[in-house]
Amino acid sequence: MNNDTPAPCPAKRQREVISTDSVFGAPCWVSLTSRDLRTTEDFYSAVLGWRWRSVRLGDHFRIALADGVPVAGIAAVASMWQMAVAWTPYFAVQNADEAVARARERGGTPAVGPLSFPPGRAALLADRDGAIFGIWEGQLVSNWEIWRQAAPTYIRLHTRDAFDSAIFYGEVLGWASERQGCCEVEYVGGEVVLRSRGDAVARIDSGAVEAAPDPTVRPHWQVHFAVGDVGECARAAEKHGGSVLQEKDTEAVLRDPDGAQFTVTVRPLLP
């Protein structure tokens, strides 16, 4: 993807360039599909303090910056392209074609791509239960460690069967494989936890891992952003047209004016 596009690869900012070969299987970008760009910009600026940069894709797209670091992509095309309003995580893969083929073989659904966006390739898929996610093959043009610190602290899949989902993503993305640099998977507190380079970067939750699948759950990936004050973010969300779906001292689930859900969480988050 171009250096300033809102796809799964952050914009060029630093000297070191990391490719998906070295961090394959790990989350590497998040993108929001919205309806109205100005409303989206105003809301996330107020709630998360983001600033914005234009991109070459056109007036409907923006890059979100936190302290000057690209952290997310915004595409105000939900109505125009008849797409769902939602946050979507992208995972690093070594070969996009092979990852899409593995997903299809295991009951997933390729939706878009793989498409070429130099310096890489991207695709959008749905897992067996319908949760949407993306994959990215190529250069992570922004320092991945800096992005991980400034962008989503982690992502969580809410699904019907955590164990089954972990097997699906593990086989598609190469988790817990014998390849050097792969992500590790463990079970902590009834959840499946994904670790990359020792850091917890994703969780899969369906209640207790041993419990029967919950047919009432609508599977989806939830993006968690680290903030200094959860209550302040919640009040800002309400003031700027969003809503608070759930609020605790250390975490709140918020909905933006277009309906996209995300979570704000106080650091430190995970063991």
C-alpha atoms as a PDB file:
ATOM      1  CA  MET A   1       0.000   0.000   0.000  1.00  0.00           C
ATOM      2  CA  ASN A   2       1.174   3.538  -0.631  1.00  0.00           C
ATOM      3  CA  ASN A   3       3.010   5.174   2.213  1.00  0.00           C
ATOM      4  CA  ASP A   4       0.073   7.423   3.032  1.00  0.00           C
ATOM      5  CA  THR A   5      -2.920   5.173   2.404  1.00  0.00           C
ATOM      6  CA  PRO A   6      -5.305   4.038   5.166  1.00  0.00           C
ATOM      7  CA  ALA A   7      -4.682   0.373   4.516  1.00  0.00           C
ATOM      8  CA  PRO A   8      -3.042  -2.023   6.896  1.00  0.00           C
ATOM      9  CA  CYS A   9       0.403  -0.456   6.608  1.00  0.00           C
ATOM     10  CA  PRO A  10       1.235   2.765   8.526  1.00  0.00           C
ATOM     11  CA  ALA A  11       2.906   5.655   6.780  1.00  0.00           C
ATOM     12  CA  LYS A  12       6.653   6.044   6.361  1.00  0.00           C
ATOM     13  CA  ARG A  13       8.143   7.753   9.357  1.00  0.00           C
ATOM     14  CA  GLN A  14      11.388   6.188  10.481  1.00  0.00           C
ATOM     15  CA  ARG A  15      14.620   4.649   9.282  1.00  0.00           C
ATOM     16  CA  GLU A  16      13.993   1.011  10.094  1.00  0.00           C
ATOM     17  CA  VAL A  17      11.618  -0.870   7.804  1.00  0.00           C
ATOM     18  CA  ILE A  18      10.097  -4.092   9.130  1.00  0.00           C
ATOM     19  CA  SER A  19       8.385  -6.576   6.842  1.00  0.00           C
ATOM     20  CA  THR A  20       5.561  -8.950   7.625  1.00  0.00           C
ATOM     21  CA  ASP A  21       8.069 -11.827   7.368  1.00  0.00           C
ATOM     22  CA  SER A  22       9.430 -10.950  10.811  1.00  0.00           C
ATOM     23  CA  VAL A  23       6.124 -10.390  12.634  1.00  0.00           C
ATOM     24  CA  PHE A  24       3.768 -12.645  10.690  1.00  0.00           C
ATOM     25  CA  GLY A  25       0.514 -13.560  12.393  1.00  0.00           C
ATOM     26  CA  ALA A  26       0.463 -10.425  14.558  1.00  0.00           C
ATOM     27  CA  PRO A  27      -1.934  -7.479  14.237  1.00  0.00           C
ATOM     28  CA  CYS A  28      -0.233  -4.742  12.209  1.00  0.00           C
ATOM     29  CA  TRP A  29      -2.926  -2.117  11.461  1.00  0.00           C
ATOM     30  CA  VAL A  30      -6.559  -1.155  12.071  1.00  0.00           C
ATOM     31  CA  SER A  31      -8.962   0.613   9.745  1.00  0.00           C
ATOM     32  CA  LEU A  32     -12.373   2.203  10.325  1.00  0.00           C
ATOM     33  CA  THR A  33     -15.128   2.256   7.724  1.00  0.00           C
ATOM     34  CA  SER A  34     -17.452   5.190   8.406  1.00  0.00           C
ATOM     35  CA  ARG A  35     -20.187   7.200   6.688  1.00  0.00           C
ATOM     36  CA  ASP A  36     -19.233  10.832   7.291  1.00  0.00           C
ATOM     37  CA  LEU A  37     -15.597  11.916   7.344  1.00  0.00           C
ATOM     38  CA  ARG A  38     -16.011  15.224   9.174  1.00  0.00           C
ATOM     39  CA  THR A  39     -18.119  13.682  11.931  1.00  0.00           C
ATOM     40  CA  THR A  40     -15.615  10.860  12.302  1.00  0.00           C
ATOM     41  CA  GLU A  41     -12.663  13.244  12.506  1.00  0.00           C
ATOM     42  CA  ASP A  42     -14.366  15.469  15.074  1.00  0.00           C
ATOM     43  CA  PHE A  43     -15.414  12.525  17.231  1.00  0.00           C
ATOM     44  CA  TYR A  44     -12.080  10.715  17.416  1.00  0.00           C
ATOM     45  CA  SER A  45     -10.170  13.968  17.831  1.00  0.00           C
ATOM     46  CA  ALA A  46     -12.313  14.759  20.870  1.00  0.00           C
ATOM     47  CA  VAL A  47     -12.252  11.252  22.358  1.00  0.00           C
ATOM     48  CA  LEU A  48      -8.722  10.040  21.545  1.00  0.00           C
ATOM     49  CA  GLY A  49      -6.916  13.267  20.715  1.00  0.00           C
ATOM     50  CA  TRP A  50      -6.089  12.214  17.163  1.00  0.00           C
ATOM     51  CA  ARG A  51      -4.958  14.523  14.374  1.00  0.00           C
ATOM     52  CA  TRP A  52      -5.418  13.838  10.668  1.00  0.00           C
ATOM     53  CA  ARG A  53      -3.504  13.620   7.430  1.00  0.00           C
ATOM     54  CA  SER A  54      -4.873  13.429   3.898  1.00  0.00           C
ATOM     55  CA  VAL A  55      -3.955  10.546   1.595  1.00  0.00           C
ATOM     56  CA  ARG A  56      -3.687  10.065  -2.150  1.00  0.00           C
ATOM     57  CA  LEU A  57      -6.729   7.777  -2.297  1.00  0.00           C
ATOM     58  CA  GLY A  58      -9.022  10.793  -2.215  1.00  0.00           C
ATOM     59  CA  ASP A  59     -11.201  13.002  -0.042  1.00  0.00           C
ATOM     60  CA  HIS A  60     -12.970  10.098   1.677  1.00  0.00           C
ATOM     61  CA  PHE A  61      -9.791   8.770   3.296  1.00  0.00           C
ATOM     62  CA  ARG A  62      -7.597   9.912   6.177  1.00  0.00           C
ATOM     63  CA  ILE A  63      -4.710   8.696   8.317  1.00  0.00           C
ATOM     64  CA  ALA A  64      -5.118   9.188  12.080  1.00  0.00           C
ATOM     65  CA  LEU A  65      -2.047  10.419  13.969  1.00  0.00           C
ATOM     66  CA  ALA A  66      -1.300  10.136  17.691  1.00  0.00           C
ATOM     67  CA  ASP A  67       1.635  12.349  18.674  1.00  0.00           C
ATOM     68  CA  GLY A  68       2.637  12.358  15.019  1.00  0.00           C
ATOM     69  CA  VAL A  69       2.603   8.555  14.682  1.00  0.00           C
ATOM     70  CA  PRO A  70       0.175   6.992  12.144  1.00  0.00           C
ATOM     71  CA  VAL A  71      -2.132   4.736  14.162  1.00  0.00           C
ATOM     72  CA  ALA A  72      -5.219   3.989  12.054  1.00  0.00           C
ATOM     73  CA  GLY A  73      -6.899   4.438   8.705  1.00  0.00           C
ATOM     74  CA  ILE A  74     -10.308   6.024   8.160  1.00  0.00           C
ATOM     75  CA  ALA A  75     -12.391   5.354   5.040  1.00  0.00           C
ATOM     76  CA  ALA A  76     -15.705   7.230   4.827  1.00  0.00           C
ATOM     77  CA  VAL A  77     -17.124   4.886   2.192  1.00  0.00           C
ATOM     78  CA  ALA A  78     -19.670   2.804   4.112  1.00  0.00           C
ATOM     79  CA  SER A  79     -22.687   4.288   2.331  1.00  0.00           C
ATOM     80  CA  MET A  80     -21.018   4.682  -1.057  1.00  0.00           C
ATOM     81  CA  TRP A  81     -19.667   1.123  -1.157  1.00  0.00           C
ATOM     82  CA  GLN A  82     -22.483  -0.443   0.910  1.00  0.00           C
ATOM     83  CA  MET A  83     -20.059  -1.635   3.583  1.00  0.00           C
ATOM     84  CA  ALA A  84     -20.635  -2.140   7.281  1.00  0.00           C
ATOM     85  CA  VAL A  85     -19.555   0.596   9.696  1.00  0.00           C
ATOM     86  CA  ALA A  86     -16.868  -1.071  11.795  1.00  0.00           C
ATOM     87  CA  TRP A  87     -13.286  -1.203  12.974  1.00  0.00           C
ATOM     88  CA  THR A  88     -11.282  -3.916  11.190  1.00  0.00           C
ATOM     89  CA  PRO A  89      -7.907  -5.326  12.319  1.00  0.00           C
ATOM     90  CA  TYR A  90      -5.255  -6.405   9.817  1.00  0.00           C
ATOM     91  CA  PHE A  91      -2.786  -9.222  10.452  1.00  0.00           C
ATOM     92  CA  ALA A  92       0.700  -9.553   8.996  1.00  0.00           C
ATOM     93  CA  VAL A  93       1.195 -12.545   6.682  1.00  0.00           C
ATOM     94  CA  GLN A  94       4.177 -13.804   4.718  1.00  0.00           C
ATOM     95  CA  ASN A  95       2.122 -14.610   1.610  1.00  0.00           C
ATOM     96  CA  ALA A  96      -1.345 -13.132   1.047  1.00  0.00           C
ATOM     97  CA  ASP A  97      -2.367 -15.652  -1.631  1.00  0.00           C
ATOM     98  CA  GLU A  98      -1.492 -18.588   0.594  1.00  0.00           C
ATOM     99  CA  ALA A  99      -3.280 -17.059   3.599  1.00  0.00           C
ATOM    100  CA  VAL A 100      -6.457 -16.481   1.560  1.00  0.00           C
ATOM    101  CA  ALA A 101      -6.310 -20.045   0.251  1.00  0.00           C
ATOM    102  CA  ARG A 102      -5.883 -21.441   3.766  1.00  0.00           C
ATOM    103  CA  ALA A 103      -8.850 -19.374   4.983  1.00  0.00           C
ATOM    104  CA  ARG A 104     -11.044 -20.635   2.143  1.00  0.00           C
ATOM    105  CA  GLU A 105     -10.023 -24.249   2.752  1.00  0.00           C
ATOM    106  CA  ARG A 106     -11.013 -23.901   6.410  1.00  0.00           C
ATOM    107  CA  GLY A 107     -14.440 -22.390   5.807  1.00  0.00           C
ATOM    108  CA  GLY A 108     -13.564 -18.700   5.733  1.00  0.00           C
ATOM    109  CA  THR A 109     -14.824 -16.302   3.080  1.00  0.00           C
ATOM    110  CA  PRO A 110     -12.529 -14.078   0.990  1.00  0.00           C
ATOM    111  CA  ALA A 111     -14.305 -10.756   0.448  1.00  0.00           C
ATOM    112  CA  VAL A 112     -11.773  -8.470  -1.261  1.00  0.00           C
ATOM    113  CA  GLY A 113      -8.372  -9.197  -2.774  1.00  0.00           C
ATOM    114  CA  PRO A 114      -5.580  -9.896  -2.441  1.00  0.00           C
ATOM    115  CA  LEU A 115      -4.967  -6.518  -4.098  1.00  0.00           C
ATOM    116  CA  SER A 116      -1.604  -4.911  -4.787  1.00  0.00           C
ATOM    117  CA  PHE A 117      -0.839  -1.714  -2.874  1.00  0.00           C
ATOM    118  CA  PRO A 118       2.946  -1.157  -3.127  1.00  0.00           C
ATOM    119  CA  PRO A 119       4.902  -1.866  -0.987  1.00  0.00           C
ATOM    120  CA  GLY A 120       2.602  -4.814  -0.264  1.00  0.00           C
ATOM    121  CA  ARG A 121      -0.700  -6.600  -0.797  1.00  0.00           C
ATOM    122  CA  ALA A 122      -3.936  -6.676   1.201  1.00  0.00           C
ATOM    123  CA  ALA A 123      -7.093  -8.771   1.443  1.00  0.00           C
ATOM    124  CA  LEU A 124     -10.300  -8.659   3.465  1.00  0.00           C
ATOM    125  CA  LEU A 125     -11.860 -11.898   4.751  1.00  0.00           C
ATOM    126  CA  ALA A 126     -14.487 -13.304   7.095  1.00  0.00           C
ATOM    127  CA  ASP A 127     -13.792 -16.209   9.422  1.00  0.00           C
ATOM    128  CA  ARG A 128     -16.056 -19.261   9.722  1.00  0.00           C
ATOM    129  CA  ASP A 129     -18.437 -17.392  12.030  1.00  0.00           C
ATOM    130  CA  GLY A 130     -18.548 -14.183  10.000  1.00  0.00           C
ATOM    131  CA  ALA A 131     -16.069 -11.989  11.906  1.00  0.00           C
ATOM    132  CA  ILE A 132     -14.303  -9.643   9.474  1.00  0.00           C
ATOM    133  CA  PHE A 133     -10.519  -9.270   9.433  1.00  0.00           C
ATOM    134  CA  GLY A 134      -7.821  -8.219   7.006  1.00  0.00           C
ATOM    135  CA  ILE A 135      -4.374  -9.473   6.057  1.00  0.00           C
ATOM    136  CA  TRP A 136      -1.325  -7.546   4.875  1.00  0.00           C
ATOM    137  CA  GLU A 137       1.783  -8.860   3.108  1.00  0.00           C
ATOM    138  CA  GLY A 138       4.778  -6.606   2.653  1.00  0.00           C
ATOM    139  CA  GLN A 139       6.630  -3.811   4.367  1.00  0.00           C
ATOM    140  CA  LEU A 140       5.398  -2.285   7.597  1.00  0.00           C
ATOM    141  CA  VAL A 141       6.544   1.136   6.533  1.00  0.00           C
ATOM    142  CA  SER A 142       6.165   2.642   9.977  1.00  0.00           C
ATOM    143  CA  ASN A 143       8.246   1.232  12.826  1.00  0.00           C
ATOM    144  CA  TRP A 144       6.053  -1.592  14.043  1.00  0.00           C
ATOM    145  CA  GLU A 145       7.120  -1.261  17.671  1.00  0.00           C
ATOM    146  CA  ILE A 146       6.271   2.462  17.650  1.00  0.00           C
ATOM    147  CA  TRP A 147       2.899   1.699  16.050  1.00  0.00           C
ATOM    148  CA  ARG A 148       2.135  -0.922  18.682  1.00  0.00           C
ATOM    149  CA  GLN A 149       2.822   1.552  21.469  1.00  0.00           C
ATOM    150  CA  ALA A 150       0.810   4.393  19.956  1.00  0.00           C
ATOM    151  CA  ALA A 151      -2.029   2.464  18.324  1.00  0.00           C
ATOM    152  CA  PRO A 152      -4.399  -0.259  19.581  1.00  0.00           C
ATOM    153  CA  THR A 153      -3.049  -1.906  22.689  1.00  0.00           C
ATOM    154  CA  TYR A 154      -4.699  -5.143  21.636  1.00  0.00           C
ATOM    155  CA  ILE A 155      -7.696  -6.520  19.778  1.00  0.00           C
ATOM    156  CA  ARG A 156     -10.243  -9.037  21.034  1.00  0.00           C
ATOM    157  CA  LEU A 157     -12.390 -11.449  19.053  1.00  0.00           C
ATOM    158  CA  HIS A 158     -15.811 -12.010  20.606  1.00  0.00           C
ATOM    159  CA  THR A 159     -16.999 -15.284  19.136  1.00  0.00           C
ATOM    160  CA  ARG A 160     -19.129 -18.364  19.785  1.00  0.00           C
ATOM    161  CA  ASP A 161     -16.313 -20.851  20.254  1.00  0.00           C
ATOM    162  CA  ALA A 162     -12.895 -19.486  21.255  1.00  0.00           C
ATOM    163  CA  PHE A 163     -11.103 -22.792  20.858  1.00  0.00           C
ATOM    164  CA  ASP A 164     -12.444 -23.381  17.339  1.00  0.00           C
ATOM    165  CA  SER A 165     -11.638 -19.800  16.322  1.00  0.00           C
ATOM    166  CA  ALA A 166      -8.098 -20.096  17.668  1.00  0.00           C
ATOM    167  CA  ILE A 167      -7.580 -23.174  15.492  1.00  0.00           C
ATOM    168  CA  PHE A 168      -8.913 -21.338  12.414  1.00  0.00           C
ATOM    169  CA  TYR A 169      -6.741 -18.241  12.862  1.00  0.00           C
ATOM    170  CA  GLY A 170      -3.773 -20.303  13.932  1.00  0.00           C
ATOM    171  CA  GLU A 171      -3.859 -22.333  10.725  1.00  0.00           C
ATOM    172  CA  VAL A 172      -4.516 -19.315   8.498  1.00  0.00           C
ATOM    173  CA  LEU A 173      -1.980 -16.948  10.095  1.00  0.00           C
ATOM    174  CA  GLY A 174       0.661 -19.403  11.252  1.00  0.00           C
ATOM    175  CA  TRP A 175       0.223 -19.028  15.000  1.00  0.00           C
ATOM    176  CA  ALA A 176       2.084 -21.500  17.250  1.00  0.00           C
ATOM    177  CA  SER A 177       3.868 -23.016  14.287  1.00  0.00           C
ATOM    178  CA  GLU A 178       7.451 -24.215  14.111  1.00  0.00           C
ATOM    179  CA  ARG A 179       8.504 -21.226  12.003  1.00  0.00           C
ATOM    180  CA  GLN A 180      10.866 -18.782  13.642  1.00  0.00           C
ATOM    181  CA  GLY A 181       9.183 -15.573  14.809  1.00  0.00           C
ATOM    182  CA  CYS A 182       5.648 -16.972  14.925  1.00  0.00           C
ATOM    183  CA  CYS A 183       3.104 -15.761  17.482  1.00  0.00           C
ATOM    184  CA  GLU A 184       2.516 -17.888  20.555  1.00  0.00           C
ATOM    185  CA  VAL A 185      -0.880 -18.913  21.885  1.00  0.00           C
ATOM    186  CA  GLU A 186      -1.817 -19.597  25.497  1.00  0.00           C
ATOM    187  CA  TYR A 187      -4.943 -19.865  27.641  1.00  0.00           C
ATOM    188  CA  VAL A 188      -5.332 -17.304  30.425  1.00  0.00           C
ATOM    189  CA  GLY A 189      -8.429 -16.794  32.546  1.00  0.00           C
ATOM    190  CA  GLY A 190     -10.734 -18.600  30.139  1.00  0.00           C
ATOM    191  CA  GLU A 191      -9.466 -16.691  27.095  1.00  0.00           C
ATOM    192  CA  VAL A 192      -7.135 -17.511  24.230  1.00  0.00           C
ATOM    193  CA  VAL A 193      -4.234 -15.028  24.332  1.00  0.00           C
ATOM    194  CA  LEU A 194      -2.004 -14.293  21.346  1.00  0.00           C
ATOM    195  CA  ARG A 195       1.533 -13.100  22.096  1.00  0.00           C
ATOM    196  CA  SER A 196       4.021 -11.575  19.678  1.00  0.00           C
ATOM    197  CA  ARG A 197       7.584 -11.065  20.886  1.00  0.00           C
ATOM    198  CA  GLY A 198       6.314 -11.673  24.392  1.00  0.00           C
ATOM    199  CA  ASP A 199       3.591  -8.996  24.267  1.00  0.00           C
ATOM    200  CA  ALA A 200      -0.115  -9.879  24.407  1.00  0.00           C
ATOM    201  CA  VAL A 201      -1.535  -8.410  21.192  1.00  0.00           C
ATOM    202  CA  ALA A 202      -4.899 -10.185  20.784  1.00  0.00           C
ATOM    203  CA  ARG A 203      -7.445 -12.206  22.723  1.00  0.00           C
ATOM    204  CA  ILE A 204     -10.239 -14.562  21.701  1.00  0.00           C
ATOM    205  CA  ASP A 205     -13.183 -14.790  24.071  1.00  0.00           C
ATOM    206  CA  SER A 206     -16.371 -16.858  24.139  1.00  0.00           C
ATOM    207  CA  GLY A 207     -16.762 -17.188  27.872  1.00  0.00           C
ATOM    208  CA  ALA A 208     -15.024 -20.190  29.381  1.00  0.00           C
ATOM    209  CA  VAL A 209     -12.915 -22.034  26.797  1.00  0.00           C
ATOM    210  CA  GLU A 210     -14.478 -25.331  27.875  1.00  0.00           C
ATOM    211  CA  ALA A 211     -18.050 -24.001  27.647  1.00  0.00           C
ATOM    212  CA  ALA A 212     -20.415 -24.877  24.821  1.00  0.00           C
ATOM    213  CA  PRO A 213     -20.548 -22.361  21.933  1.00  0.00           C
ATOM    214  CA  ASP A 214     -22.876 -19.429  22.598  1.00  0.00           C
ATOM    215  CA  PRO A 215     -25.338 -19.089  19.655  1.00  0.00           C
ATOM    216  CA  THR A 216     -26.374 -15.564  20.746  1.00  0.00           C
ATOM    217  CA  VAL A 217     -22.937 -14.012  20.157  1.00  0.00           C
ATOM    218  CA  ARG A 218     -22.434 -12.010  16.947  1.00  0.00           C
ATOM    219  CA  PRO A 219     -18.756 -12.684  16.246  1.00  0.00           C
ATOM    220  CA  HIS A 220     -16.659  -9.555  15.730  1.00  0.00           C
ATOM    221  CA  TRP A 221     -13.233  -8.109  16.433  1.00  0.00           C
ATOM    222  CA  GLN A 222     -13.160  -5.327  19.045  1.00  0.00           C
ATOM    223  CA  VAL A 223     -10.310  -2.792  18.969  1.00  0.00           C
ATOM    224  CA  HIS A 224      -8.919  -1.639  22.339  1.00  0.00           C
ATOM    225  CA  PHE A 225      -7.177   1.744  22.571  1.00  0.00           C
ATOM    226  CA  ALA A 226      -5.058   2.675  25.588  1.00  0.00           C
ATOM    227  CA  VAL A 227      -6.023   5.989  27.212  1.00  0.00           C
ATOM    228  CA  GLY A 228      -5.125   7.936  30.310  1.00  0.00           C
ATOM    229  CA  ASP A 229      -8.672   8.524  31.597  1.00  0.00           C
ATOM    230  CA  VAL A 230     -11.539   6.205  30.661  1.00  0.00           C
ATOM    231  CA  GLY A 231     -14.212   8.435  32.201  1.00  0.00           C
ATOM    232  CA  GLU A 232     -12.992  11.475  30.303  1.00  0.00           C
ATOM    233  CA  CYS A 233     -13.147   9.566  27.014  1.00  0.00           C
ATOM    234  CA  ALA A 234     -16.658   8.315  27.795  1.00  0.00           C
ATOM    235  CA  ARG A 235     -17.929  11.833  28.534  1.00  0.00           C
ATOM    236  CA  ALA A 236     -16.297  13.152  25.349  1.00  0.00           C
ATOM    237  CA  ALA A 237     -17.948  10.359  23.344  1.00  0.00           C
ATOM    238  CA  GLU A 238     -21.386  11.296  24.670  1.00  0.00           C
ATOM    239  CA  LYS A 239     -20.775  15.001  24.055  1.00  0.00           C
ATOM    240  CA  HIS A 240     -19.788  14.466  20.433  1.00  0.00           C
ATOM    241  CA  GLY A 241     -22.635  12.247  19.270  1.00  0.00           C
ATOM    242  CA  GLY A 242     -21.444   8.838  20.411  1.00  0.00           C
ATOM    243  CA  SER A 243     -22.672   6.630  23.231  1.00  0.00           C
ATOM    244  CA  VAL A 244     -21.344   4.584  26.129  1.00  0.00           C
ATOM    245  CA  LEU A 245     -22.367   0.932  25.954  1.00  0.00           C
ATOM    246  CA  GLN A 246     -20.496  -0.198  29.054  1.00  0.00           C
ATOM    247  CA  GLU A 247     -18.280   1.621  31.538  1.00  0.00           C
ATOM    248  CA  LYS A 248     -15.983   0.487  34.339  1.00  0.00           C
ATOM    249  CA  ASP A 249     -13.144   2.229  36.151  1.00  0.00           C
ATOM    250  CA  THR A 250     -10.508   0.843  33.808  1.00  0.00           C
ATOM    251  CA  GLU A 251     -12.446   0.157  30.606  1.00  0.00           C
ATOM    252  CA  ALA A 252     -15.375   1.456  28.576  1.00  0.00           C
ATOM    253  CA  VAL A 253     -17.053   0.192  25.409  1.00  0.00           C
ATOM    254  CA  LEU A 254     -18.002   3.148  23.222  1.00  0.00           C
ATOM    255  CA  ARG A 255     -19.941   3.632  19.999  1.00  0.00           C
ATOM    256  CA  ASP A 256     -19.103   6.427  17.584  1.00  0.00           C
ATOM    257  CA  PRO A 257     -21.802   8.502  15.803  1.00  0.00           C
ATOM    258  CA  ASP A 258     -21.847   6.106  12.826  1.00  0.00           C
ATOM    259  CA  GLY A 259     -22.272   3.047  15.049  1.00  0.00           C
ATOM    260  CA  ALA A 260     -18.752   1.583  15.111  1.00  0.00           C
ATOM    261  CA  GLN A 261     -17.812   0.072  18.476  1.00  0.00           C
ATOM    262  CA  PHE A 262     -14.418   0.283  20.136  1.00  0.00           C
ATOM    263  CA  THR A 263     -13.005   0.032  23.642  1.00  0.00           C
ATOM    264  CA  VAL A 264     -10.864   2.442  25.641  1.00  0.00           C
ATOM    265  CA  THR A 265      -8.743   0.870  28.362  1.00  0.00           C
ATOM    266  CA  VAL A 266      -6.312   2.228  30.928  1.00  0.00           C
ATOM    267  CA  ARG A 267      -2.727   0.948  30.847  1.00  0.00           C
ATOM    268  CA  PRO A 268      -1.320  -1.427  31.985  1.00  0.00           C
ATOM    269  CA  LEU A 269      -3.704  -3.832  30.308  1.00  0.00           C
ATOM    270  CA  LEU A 270      -2.358  -7.350  30.089  1.00  0.00           C
ATOM    271  CA  PRO A 271       0.091  -9.501  32.016  1.00  0.00           C
END
